[in-house]
């Protein structure tokens, strides 16, 4: 099951046999024998696996909705490196949108060895048709670039070809204003309002965080991810803990967006564009 999976919950047990179940936000495929779970503020789960390294994770296939129970064994917690930074950037993008970047923060990436995988669901969606040949489609997207006579034509042709060849119907291009520490929209396609001229502070939201960390961020289940973040925010507010909370940011462009992808484009170690 390569790629990121939607995780429902993880079940652990303390050294004295007390079980604990909790929802988790990120489950990452590392290789055929290992997965990584995000370690944020669920200290009980982390404490349990330190004392008793066995756990069970329930995951859902993002396309067919097939459900799996994965038996795992805790190995280590990473707090630096490519895996940690990738998970940290993605979580930071979600947290920024719900105004919790100072609270909803990755503390570590818990690496587990996969001991067994059991498919437990019966009612599943059919598998999708074969994907488009991505390399061939990308070649067609890039072909018109050398013929562009100005930036307006370059941006417009790129977004049109993303829709025609990759079926990306809603897209925007933002430029990086380094002195102003901001991103500003220079082109968009598919939205009711173009948004050209709108600004995004560097490090804010999925787009701003992707630009700041120079790493792509994909959120394939945006409504679920943001609902989870908002639920945490509301519970924090009910507890009377408002310190560190910021103003929540609405989803850009589409109110009910179900996925988001922000891709920084680096040229000469600089960040001129975010797509």
Protein backbone atom coordinates (compact mmCIF):
# COMPACT_ATOMS: atom_id res chain seq x y z
CA UNK A 1 0.00 0.00 0.00
CA UNK A 2 2.48 2.71 -1.08
CA UNK A 3 1.70 6.35 -0.39
CA UNK A 4 0.00 8.08 2.47
CA UNK A 5 -3.09 6.45 3.94
CA UNK A 6 -6.02 7.84 5.86
CA UNK A 7 -5.66 6.54 9.38
CA UNK A 8 -8.70 6.10 11.58
CA UNK A 9 -7.09 5.31 14.88
CA UNK A 10 -4.21 3.67 16.68
CA UNK A 11 -4.64 1.34 19.63
CA UNK A 12 -1.87 0.93 22.20
CA UNK A 13 -1.56 -0.59 25.65
CA UNK A 14 0.33 0.56 28.71
CA UNK A 15 2.85 -1.63 30.51
CA UNK A 16 0.21 -2.59 33.09
CA UNK A 17 -2.36 -3.60 30.44
CA UNK A 18 -4.58 -0.50 30.14
CA UNK A 19 -5.62 0.01 26.48
CA UNK A 20 -5.82 3.40 24.77
CA UNK A 21 -7.35 4.27 21.39
CA UNK A 22 -7.04 7.62 19.67
CA UNK A 23 -7.39 9.22 16.27
CA UNK A 24 -4.26 10.13 14.35
CA UNK A 25 -3.69 12.54 11.46
CA UNK A 26 -0.85 11.09 9.42
CA UNK A 27 0.22 7.59 8.42
CA UNK A 28 3.14 7.49 5.99
CA UNK A 29 4.43 4.56 3.96
CA UNK A 30 8.20 4.31 4.42
CA UNK A 31 8.90 1.00 2.67
CA UNK A 32 7.42 -2.49 2.39
CA UNK A 33 8.13 -3.19 6.07
CA UNK A 34 7.76 0.18 7.81
CA UNK A 35 5.25 2.99 8.36
CA UNK A 36 5.45 6.25 10.26
CA UNK A 37 2.80 7.84 12.49
CA UNK A 38 2.75 11.48 13.51
CA UNK A 39 3.48 12.25 17.16
CA UNK A 40 1.90 15.54 18.20
CA UNK A 41 0.15 16.03 21.49
CA UNK A 42 -1.15 12.49 22.09
CA UNK A 43 1.41 11.83 24.81
CA UNK A 44 -0.48 8.77 26.08
CA UNK A 45 0.03 6.90 22.80
CA UNK A 46 3.70 7.82 22.75
CA UNK A 47 4.17 6.88 26.40
CA UNK A 48 2.49 3.54 25.79
CA UNK A 49 4.67 2.51 22.85
CA UNK A 50 7.80 3.48 24.77
CA UNK A 51 6.75 1.08 27.53
CA UNK A 52 5.02 -1.52 25.32
CA UNK A 53 6.12 -1.21 21.66
CA UNK A 54 3.18 -3.07 20.08
CA UNK A 55 0.20 -1.28 18.51
CA UNK A 56 -2.55 -1.74 15.94
CA UNK A 57 -3.43 0.89 13.36
CA UNK A 58 -6.68 1.06 11.40
CA UNK A 59 -6.20 2.59 7.95
CA UNK A 60 -8.45 3.28 4.95
CA UNK A 61 -7.43 3.11 1.31
CA UNK A 62 -8.00 6.65 -0.04
CA UNK A 63 -9.56 5.48 -3.32
CA UNK A 64 -11.43 2.20 -2.71
CA UNK A 65 -12.16 2.84 1.00
CA UNK A 66 -10.85 -0.64 1.79
CA UNK A 67 -10.12 -0.96 5.50
CA UNK A 68 -7.05 -2.60 6.96
CA UNK A 69 -5.81 -3.44 10.43
CA UNK A 70 -2.05 -3.13 10.61
CA UNK A 71 -0.15 -4.71 13.49
CA UNK A 72 3.03 -2.74 14.13
CA UNK A 73 6.02 -2.60 16.46
CA UNK A 74 7.49 0.73 17.56
CA UNK A 75 11.15 1.21 16.62
CA UNK A 76 12.17 4.85 17.09
CA UNK A 77 11.12 8.50 16.94
CA UNK A 78 12.73 10.78 14.36
CA UNK A 79 12.92 14.50 15.12
CA UNK A 80 15.01 15.56 12.12
CA UNK A 81 15.70 14.48 8.56
CA UNK A 82 13.68 14.29 5.29
CA UNK A 83 10.85 12.13 6.65
CA UNK A 84 10.31 14.32 9.70
CA UNK A 85 10.53 17.56 7.71
CA UNK A 86 8.02 16.35 5.12
CA UNK A 87 5.48 15.39 7.80
CA UNK A 88 6.18 18.58 9.75
CA UNK A 89 5.55 20.80 6.72
CA UNK A 90 2.28 19.07 5.87
CA UNK A 91 1.00 19.27 9.44
CA UNK A 92 2.09 22.91 9.67
CA UNK A 93 0.01 23.72 6.58
CA UNK A 94 -3.10 22.17 8.13
CA UNK A 95 -2.44 23.82 11.50
CA UNK A 96 -1.96 27.24 9.95
CA UNK A 97 -5.33 27.07 8.20
CA UNK A 98 -7.16 26.37 11.44
CA UNK A 99 -5.11 28.91 13.40
CA UNK A 100 -3.20 26.40 15.50
CA UNK A 101 0.38 26.57 14.24
CA UNK A 102 1.65 27.14 17.79
CA UNK A 103 -0.40 24.25 19.20
CA UNK A 104 -0.91 21.64 16.45
CA UNK A 105 2.80 20.98 15.93
CA UNK A 106 4.70 17.82 15.06
CA UNK A 107 6.96 16.68 17.87
CA UNK A 108 8.29 13.58 16.15
CA UNK A 109 7.79 10.95 13.47
CA UNK A 110 7.27 7.56 15.12
CA UNK A 111 8.67 4.77 12.94
CA UNK A 112 7.09 1.30 13.22
CA UNK A 113 7.88 -2.11 11.76
CA UNK A 114 4.86 -3.71 10.07
CA UNK A 115 4.20 -7.18 11.48
CA UNK A 116 0.97 -8.02 9.66
CA UNK A 117 -1.74 -6.46 7.49
CA UNK A 118 -5.32 -7.75 7.57
CA UNK A 119 -8.02 -6.57 5.16
CA UNK A 120 -11.22 -6.25 7.17
CA UNK A 121 -13.77 -4.53 4.90
CA UNK A 122 -16.20 -5.99 2.40
CA UNK A 123 -18.12 -3.01 1.00
CA UNK A 124 -15.57 -1.19 -1.13
CA UNK A 125 -15.58 1.11 -4.12
CA UNK A 126 -14.37 -0.25 -7.46
CA UNK A 127 -10.80 0.46 -8.43
CA UNK A 128 -10.45 3.51 -10.71
CA UNK A 129 -9.49 3.23 -14.39
CA UNK A 130 -5.77 3.32 -15.19
CA UNK A 131 -4.14 6.68 -14.57
CA UNK A 132 -2.98 8.87 -17.40
CA UNK A 133 0.65 8.45 -18.40
CA UNK A 134 2.01 11.21 -16.18
CA UNK A 135 5.34 11.63 -17.99
CA UNK A 136 3.63 11.89 -21.36
CA UNK A 137 1.10 14.38 -19.99
CA UNK A 138 3.85 16.44 -18.34
CA UNK A 139 5.73 16.58 -21.64
CA UNK A 140 2.64 18.02 -23.31
CA UNK A 141 2.24 20.57 -20.52
CA UNK A 142 5.83 21.72 -20.95
CA UNK A 143 5.95 21.81 -24.77
CA UNK A 144 4.40 25.29 -25.23
CA UNK A 145 6.65 26.97 -22.65
CA UNK A 146 9.52 27.88 -25.05
CA UNK A 147 7.02 29.52 -27.42
CA UNK A 148 5.53 31.88 -24.78
CA UNK A 149 6.15 35.51 -25.74
CA UNK A 150 5.46 36.99 -22.28
CA UNK A 151 4.73 35.96 -18.69
CA UNK A 152 0.95 36.32 -19.10
CA UNK A 153 0.95 33.83 -21.99
CA UNK A 154 3.33 31.52 -20.12
CA UNK A 155 1.15 31.40 -17.01
CA UNK A 156 -2.11 31.06 -18.92
CA UNK A 157 -0.85 28.30 -21.23
CA UNK A 158 0.58 26.36 -18.28
CA UNK A 159 -2.69 26.38 -16.35
CA UNK A 160 -4.73 25.53 -19.47
CA UNK A 161 -2.47 22.57 -20.22
CA UNK A 162 -2.63 21.36 -16.63
CA UNK A 163 -6.39 21.10 -17.08
CA UNK A 164 -6.30 19.58 -20.57
CA UNK A 165 -3.61 16.97 -19.97
CA UNK A 166 -3.71 16.31 -16.22
CA UNK A 167 -7.35 17.17 -15.43
CA UNK A 168 -6.31 19.77 -12.84
CA UNK A 169 -9.30 22.09 -13.16
CA UNK A 170 -8.58 24.54 -10.35
CA UNK A 171 -5.11 26.00 -10.13
CA UNK A 172 -3.24 29.18 -9.33
CA UNK A 173 0.30 30.49 -9.69
CA UNK A 174 1.80 32.72 -7.02
CA UNK A 175 5.10 34.58 -7.09
CA UNK A 176 7.48 35.07 -4.19
CA UNK A 177 8.24 38.61 -3.06
CA UNK A 178 11.32 37.93 -0.93
CA UNK A 179 11.72 41.46 0.54
CA UNK A 180 8.06 41.52 1.55
CA UNK A 181 8.05 37.91 2.82
CA UNK A 182 4.85 37.30 0.91
CA UNK A 183 3.41 35.42 -2.05
CA UNK A 184 1.09 37.13 -4.51
CA UNK A 185 -1.23 35.52 -7.06
CA UNK A 186 -0.34 36.20 -10.70
CA UNK A 187 -2.65 33.72 -12.48
CA UNK A 188 -5.50 31.34 -11.71
CA UNK A 189 -7.95 29.08 -13.50
CA UNK A 190 -11.25 27.46 -12.61
CA UNK A 191 -12.32 29.71 -9.71
CA UNK A 192 -15.39 31.94 -9.63
CA UNK A 193 -13.08 34.85 -8.79
CA UNK A 194 -9.58 34.97 -10.24
CA UNK A 195 -7.89 36.10 -7.05
CA UNK A 196 -5.07 37.71 -9.05
CA UNK A 197 -3.30 40.20 -6.82
CA UNK A 198 -4.25 38.46 -3.57
CA UNK A 199 -1.44 37.93 -1.08
CA UNK A 200 -0.39 35.04 1.17
CA UNK A 201 2.20 35.59 3.93
CA UNK A 202 5.17 33.26 3.73
CA UNK A 203 4.65 30.39 6.18
CA UNK A 204 0.86 30.78 6.38
CA UNK A 205 -1.53 28.11 5.12
CA UNK A 206 -0.64 25.17 2.89
CA UNK A 207 0.71 27.42 0.13
CA UNK A 208 2.74 29.62 2.45
CA UNK A 209 4.17 26.68 4.40
CA UNK A 210 5.10 24.79 1.20
CA UNK A 211 6.93 27.88 -0.02
CA UNK A 212 8.74 28.47 3.26
CA UNK A 213 9.92 24.86 3.60
CA UNK A 214 10.61 24.47 -0.15
CA UNK A 215 8.70 21.18 -0.19
CA UNK A 216 5.49 20.01 -1.91
CA UNK A 217 2.52 19.47 0.39
CA UNK A 218 -0.38 17.22 -0.61
CA UNK A 219 -3.57 17.06 1.43
CA UNK A 220 -5.74 14.43 -0.32
CA UNK A 221 -8.57 14.48 2.24
CA UNK A 222 -8.76 18.18 3.00
CA UNK A 223 -12.26 18.27 4.45
CA UNK A 224 -11.42 15.46 6.88
CA UNK A 225 -8.04 16.94 7.81
CA UNK A 226 -9.40 20.42 8.43
CA UNK A 227 -12.47 19.13 10.29
CA UNK A 228 -10.11 17.23 12.58
CA UNK A 229 -8.01 20.35 13.13
CA UNK A 230 -11.07 22.49 13.82
CA UNK A 231 -12.36 19.91 16.31
CA UNK A 232 -9.07 20.11 18.20
CA UNK A 233 -9.23 23.91 18.11
CA UNK A 234 -12.77 23.94 19.51
CA UNK A 235 -11.81 21.54 22.32
CA UNK A 236 -8.86 23.79 23.20
CA UNK A 237 -11.14 26.84 23.30
CA UNK A 238 -13.69 25.01 25.46
CA UNK A 239 -10.90 24.24 27.89
CA UNK A 240 -10.18 27.97 28.12
CA UNK A 241 -6.76 27.68 26.50
CA UNK A 242 -6.67 30.45 23.90
CA UNK A 243 -2.96 31.33 24.09
CA UNK A 244 -1.18 30.43 20.88
CA UNK A 245 -4.34 30.28 18.76
CA UNK A 246 -4.40 32.41 15.63
CA UNK A 247 -7.15 33.45 13.25
CA UNK A 248 -8.35 30.49 11.20
CA UNK A 249 -7.87 30.86 7.45
CA UNK A 250 -10.56 29.68 4.99
CA UNK A 251 -9.64 27.29 2.20
CA UNK A 252 -8.32 29.27 -0.80
CA UNK A 253 -10.47 29.44 -3.89
CA UNK A 254 -12.99 26.68 -3.17
CA UNK A 255 -15.05 26.54 0.00
CA UNK A 256 -15.51 22.76 -0.16
CA UNK A 257 -12.14 21.73 -1.61
CA UNK A 258 -11.54 18.04 -0.99
CA UNK A 259 -7.84 18.05 -1.75
CA UNK A 260 -4.96 20.49 -2.02
CA UNK A 261 -1.51 20.38 -3.55
CA UNK A 262 1.09 23.15 -3.24
CA UNK A 263 4.30 22.78 -5.26
CA UNK A 264 7.20 25.23 -4.91
CA UNK A 265 9.24 25.74 -8.09
CA UNK A 266 12.91 26.34 -7.31
CA UNK A 267 15.31 28.05 -9.75
CA UNK A 268 18.95 28.59 -8.84
CA UNK A 269 18.21 27.81 -5.16
CA UNK A 270 15.64 30.62 -5.18
CA UNK A 271 11.85 30.39 -4.86
CA UNK A 272 10.34 32.47 -7.67
CA UNK A 273 7.06 30.56 -8.06
CA UNK A 274 4.60 28.45 -6.07
CA UNK A 275 1.99 26.44 -7.97
